[in-house]
Amino acid sequence: MAKEYEVIEDRIQRAVCTADKNCRKVRRGNIQFSPMQKQLMGVITVLKQLKLRQTLKGKPNRPRTRRIQRMITKYKYTGTTSFQSVGQIEEAILNATYAYAEFKKRAQDCRWEYINEIATELNEIDGKGKKHHFKILQRQELTKEYF
């Protein structure tokens, strides 16, 4: 039985090595989400975790306080964390969702502005020209959409 596992493990390792050598990787570049979009998405995530914590009192799979604190730090959440009822949390989630929807309406314009800022910073570093860097970043961004 152990011999069969070794044969299977060997085949898996060979398949992984072959895939690493032969498969083409997409060059996604160094363009992240805009900080504003990340924060808005984080607000919704934190509020949903707070709602789960409130509704799952005394039940398994309740989110721990430490996990919520980490999320608050990660997403730079500045809102309130103490709610009196689930209804208040749902109202806060609804408001955050509306804010995110408003942001998404103009997200593409904000995205190009963000890429333009990155191009300006890269121009200051190496002096090749803002237009040059913007074209490269724009191509990377469009490649992301296809994959």
Protein backbone atom coordinates (compact mmCIF):
# COMPACT_ATOMS: atom_id res chain seq x y z
CA MET A 1 0.00 0.00 0.00
CA ALA A 2 2.84 2.39 0.86
CA LYS A 3 4.48 1.64 -2.48
CA GLU A 4 1.31 2.70 -4.34
CA TYR A 5 1.24 5.98 -2.43
CA GLU A 6 4.86 6.62 -3.34
CA VAL A 7 4.10 6.00 -7.03
CA ILE A 8 1.12 8.36 -6.91
CA GLU A 9 3.16 11.00 -5.06
CA ASP A 10 5.94 10.70 -7.64
CA ARG A 11 3.48 11.19 -10.49
CA ILE A 12 1.96 14.21 -8.80
CA GLN A 13 5.38 15.79 -8.29
CA ARG A 14 6.33 15.17 -11.93
CA ALA A 15 3.03 16.71 -13.09
CA VAL A 16 3.61 19.80 -10.95
CA CYS A 17 7.17 20.22 -12.26
CA THR A 18 5.99 19.82 -15.85
CA ALA A 19 3.24 22.38 -15.34
CA ASP A 20 5.71 24.84 -13.82
CA LYS A 21 8.03 24.49 -16.80
CA ASN A 22 5.52 24.41 -19.65
CA CYS A 23 2.53 26.51 -18.60
CA ARG A 24 2.56 30.19 -19.42
CA LYS A 25 2.05 32.55 -16.53
CA VAL A 26 0.15 35.80 -16.93
CA ARG A 27 2.17 38.89 -16.16
CA ARG A 28 -0.21 40.82 -13.99
CA GLY A 29 2.14 43.58 -12.93
CA ASN A 30 2.16 45.54 -9.72
CA ILE A 31 -1.27 47.17 -9.96
CA GLN A 32 -3.35 46.49 -6.88
CA PHE A 33 -6.87 47.51 -6.01
CA SER A 34 -7.16 51.17 -5.22
CA PRO A 35 -6.92 51.83 -1.49
CA MET A 36 -10.41 53.37 -1.45
CA GLN A 37 -11.99 50.31 -3.06
CA LYS A 38 -10.15 47.99 -0.68
CA GLN A 39 -11.35 50.01 2.30
CA LEU A 40 -14.99 50.06 1.12
CA MET A 41 -14.94 46.32 0.55
CA GLY A 42 -13.33 45.89 3.96
CA VAL A 43 -16.06 47.88 5.70
CA ILE A 44 -18.69 45.50 4.32
CA THR A 45 -16.63 42.46 5.31
CA VAL A 46 -16.06 43.71 8.87
CA LEU A 47 -19.72 44.56 9.34
CA LYS A 48 -20.77 41.12 8.11
CA GLN A 49 -18.41 39.52 10.62
CA LEU A 50 -19.84 41.70 13.40
CA LYS A 51 -23.34 40.61 12.37
CA LEU A 52 -22.30 36.95 12.48
CA ARG A 53 -20.78 37.47 15.90
CA GLN A 54 -24.01 39.02 17.14
CA THR A 55 -26.32 36.37 15.65
CA LEU A 56 -24.28 33.29 16.55
CA LYS A 57 -24.06 33.86 20.30
CA GLY A 58 -23.67 30.51 22.02
CA LYS A 59 -23.42 28.62 18.72
CA PRO A 60 -20.47 27.05 16.93
CA ASN A 61 -18.50 28.87 14.20
CA ARG A 62 -18.96 32.24 15.85
CA PRO A 63 -16.23 34.68 14.68
CA ARG A 64 -13.72 35.39 17.41
CA THR A 65 -13.02 38.90 18.59
CA ARG A 66 -9.34 38.62 17.70
CA ARG A 67 -10.20 37.75 14.09
CA ILE A 68 -12.47 40.77 13.82
CA GLN A 69 -9.74 42.98 15.33
CA ARG A 70 -7.29 41.75 12.69
CA MET A 71 -9.78 42.54 9.94
CA ILE A 72 -10.35 46.01 11.40
CA THR A 73 -6.61 46.64 11.28
CA LYS A 74 -6.21 45.13 7.81
CA TYR A 75 -9.00 47.14 6.19
CA LYS A 76 -8.43 50.30 8.28
CA TYR A 77 -12.04 50.26 9.49
CA THR A 78 -12.88 53.42 11.43
CA GLY A 79 -16.58 52.90 12.13
CA THR A 80 -18.22 51.74 15.31
CA THR A 81 -17.85 48.16 16.47
CA SER A 82 -20.43 48.15 19.27
CA PHE A 83 -23.99 47.79 18.04
CA GLN A 84 -27.07 47.30 20.22
CA SER A 85 -28.99 45.08 17.81
CA VAL A 86 -28.69 43.13 14.58
CA GLY A 87 -30.96 45.68 12.90
CA GLN A 88 -28.39 48.42 13.44
CA ILE A 89 -25.69 46.25 11.91
CA GLU A 90 -27.90 45.45 8.90
CA GLU A 91 -28.56 49.16 8.42
CA ALA A 92 -24.81 49.87 8.56
CA ILE A 93 -24.18 47.07 6.01
CA LEU A 94 -26.84 48.56 3.74
CA ASN A 95 -25.26 52.03 3.96
CA ALA A 96 -21.81 50.58 3.27
CA THR A 97 -23.18 48.66 0.29
CA TYR A 98 -24.71 51.84 -1.13
CA ALA A 99 -21.40 53.67 -0.68
CA TYR A 100 -19.58 50.86 -2.48
CA ALA A 101 -22.15 50.86 -5.31
CA GLU A 102 -21.67 54.62 -5.77
CA PHE A 103 -17.92 54.10 -5.87
CA LYS A 104 -18.25 51.29 -8.43
CA LYS A 105 -20.15 53.61 -10.78
CA ARG A 106 -17.04 55.71 -11.13
CA ALA A 107 -14.55 52.93 -10.36
CA GLN A 108 -13.10 52.69 -13.86
CA ASP A 109 -12.30 56.39 -13.91
CA CYS A 110 -10.76 56.10 -10.45
CA ARG A 111 -8.79 53.08 -11.64
CA TRP A 112 -7.25 55.00 -14.54
CA GLU A 113 -6.45 57.92 -12.19
CA TYR A 114 -4.74 55.47 -9.84
CA ILE A 115 -2.73 53.96 -12.70
CA ASN A 116 -1.82 57.47 -13.81
CA GLU A 117 -0.48 58.20 -10.30
CA ILE A 118 1.62 55.02 -10.41
CA ALA A 119 2.96 56.05 -13.83
CA THR A 120 3.92 59.45 -12.42
CA GLU A 121 5.79 57.80 -9.53
CA LEU A 122 7.60 55.44 -11.92
CA ASN A 123 8.55 58.42 -14.09
CA GLU A 124 10.11 60.13 -11.09
CA ILE A 125 12.12 56.99 -10.33
CA ASP A 126 13.62 56.29 -13.76
CA GLY A 127 12.67 59.31 -15.93
CA LYS A 128 11.49 57.32 -18.97
CA GLY A 129 8.35 59.37 -19.32
CA LYS A 130 4.91 59.24 -17.80
CA LYS A 131 3.28 58.28 -21.09
CA HIS A 132 5.63 55.31 -21.50
CA HIS A 133 4.82 53.92 -18.06
CA PHE A 134 1.10 54.60 -18.46
CA LYS A 135 0.97 52.53 -21.67
CA ILE A 136 2.71 49.61 -19.98
CA LEU A 137 0.41 49.73 -16.97
CA GLN A 138 -2.63 50.12 -19.20
CA ARG A 139 -1.62 47.02 -21.16
CA GLN A 140 -1.19 45.07 -17.91
CA GLU A 141 -4.60 46.22 -16.74
CA LEU A 142 -6.29 45.13 -19.95
CA THR A 143 -4.50 41.78 -19.79
CA LYS A 144 -6.00 41.25 -16.34
CA GLU A 145 -9.50 41.68 -17.75
CA TYR A 146 -8.99 38.96 -20.35
CA PHE A 147 -7.79 36.40 -17.82
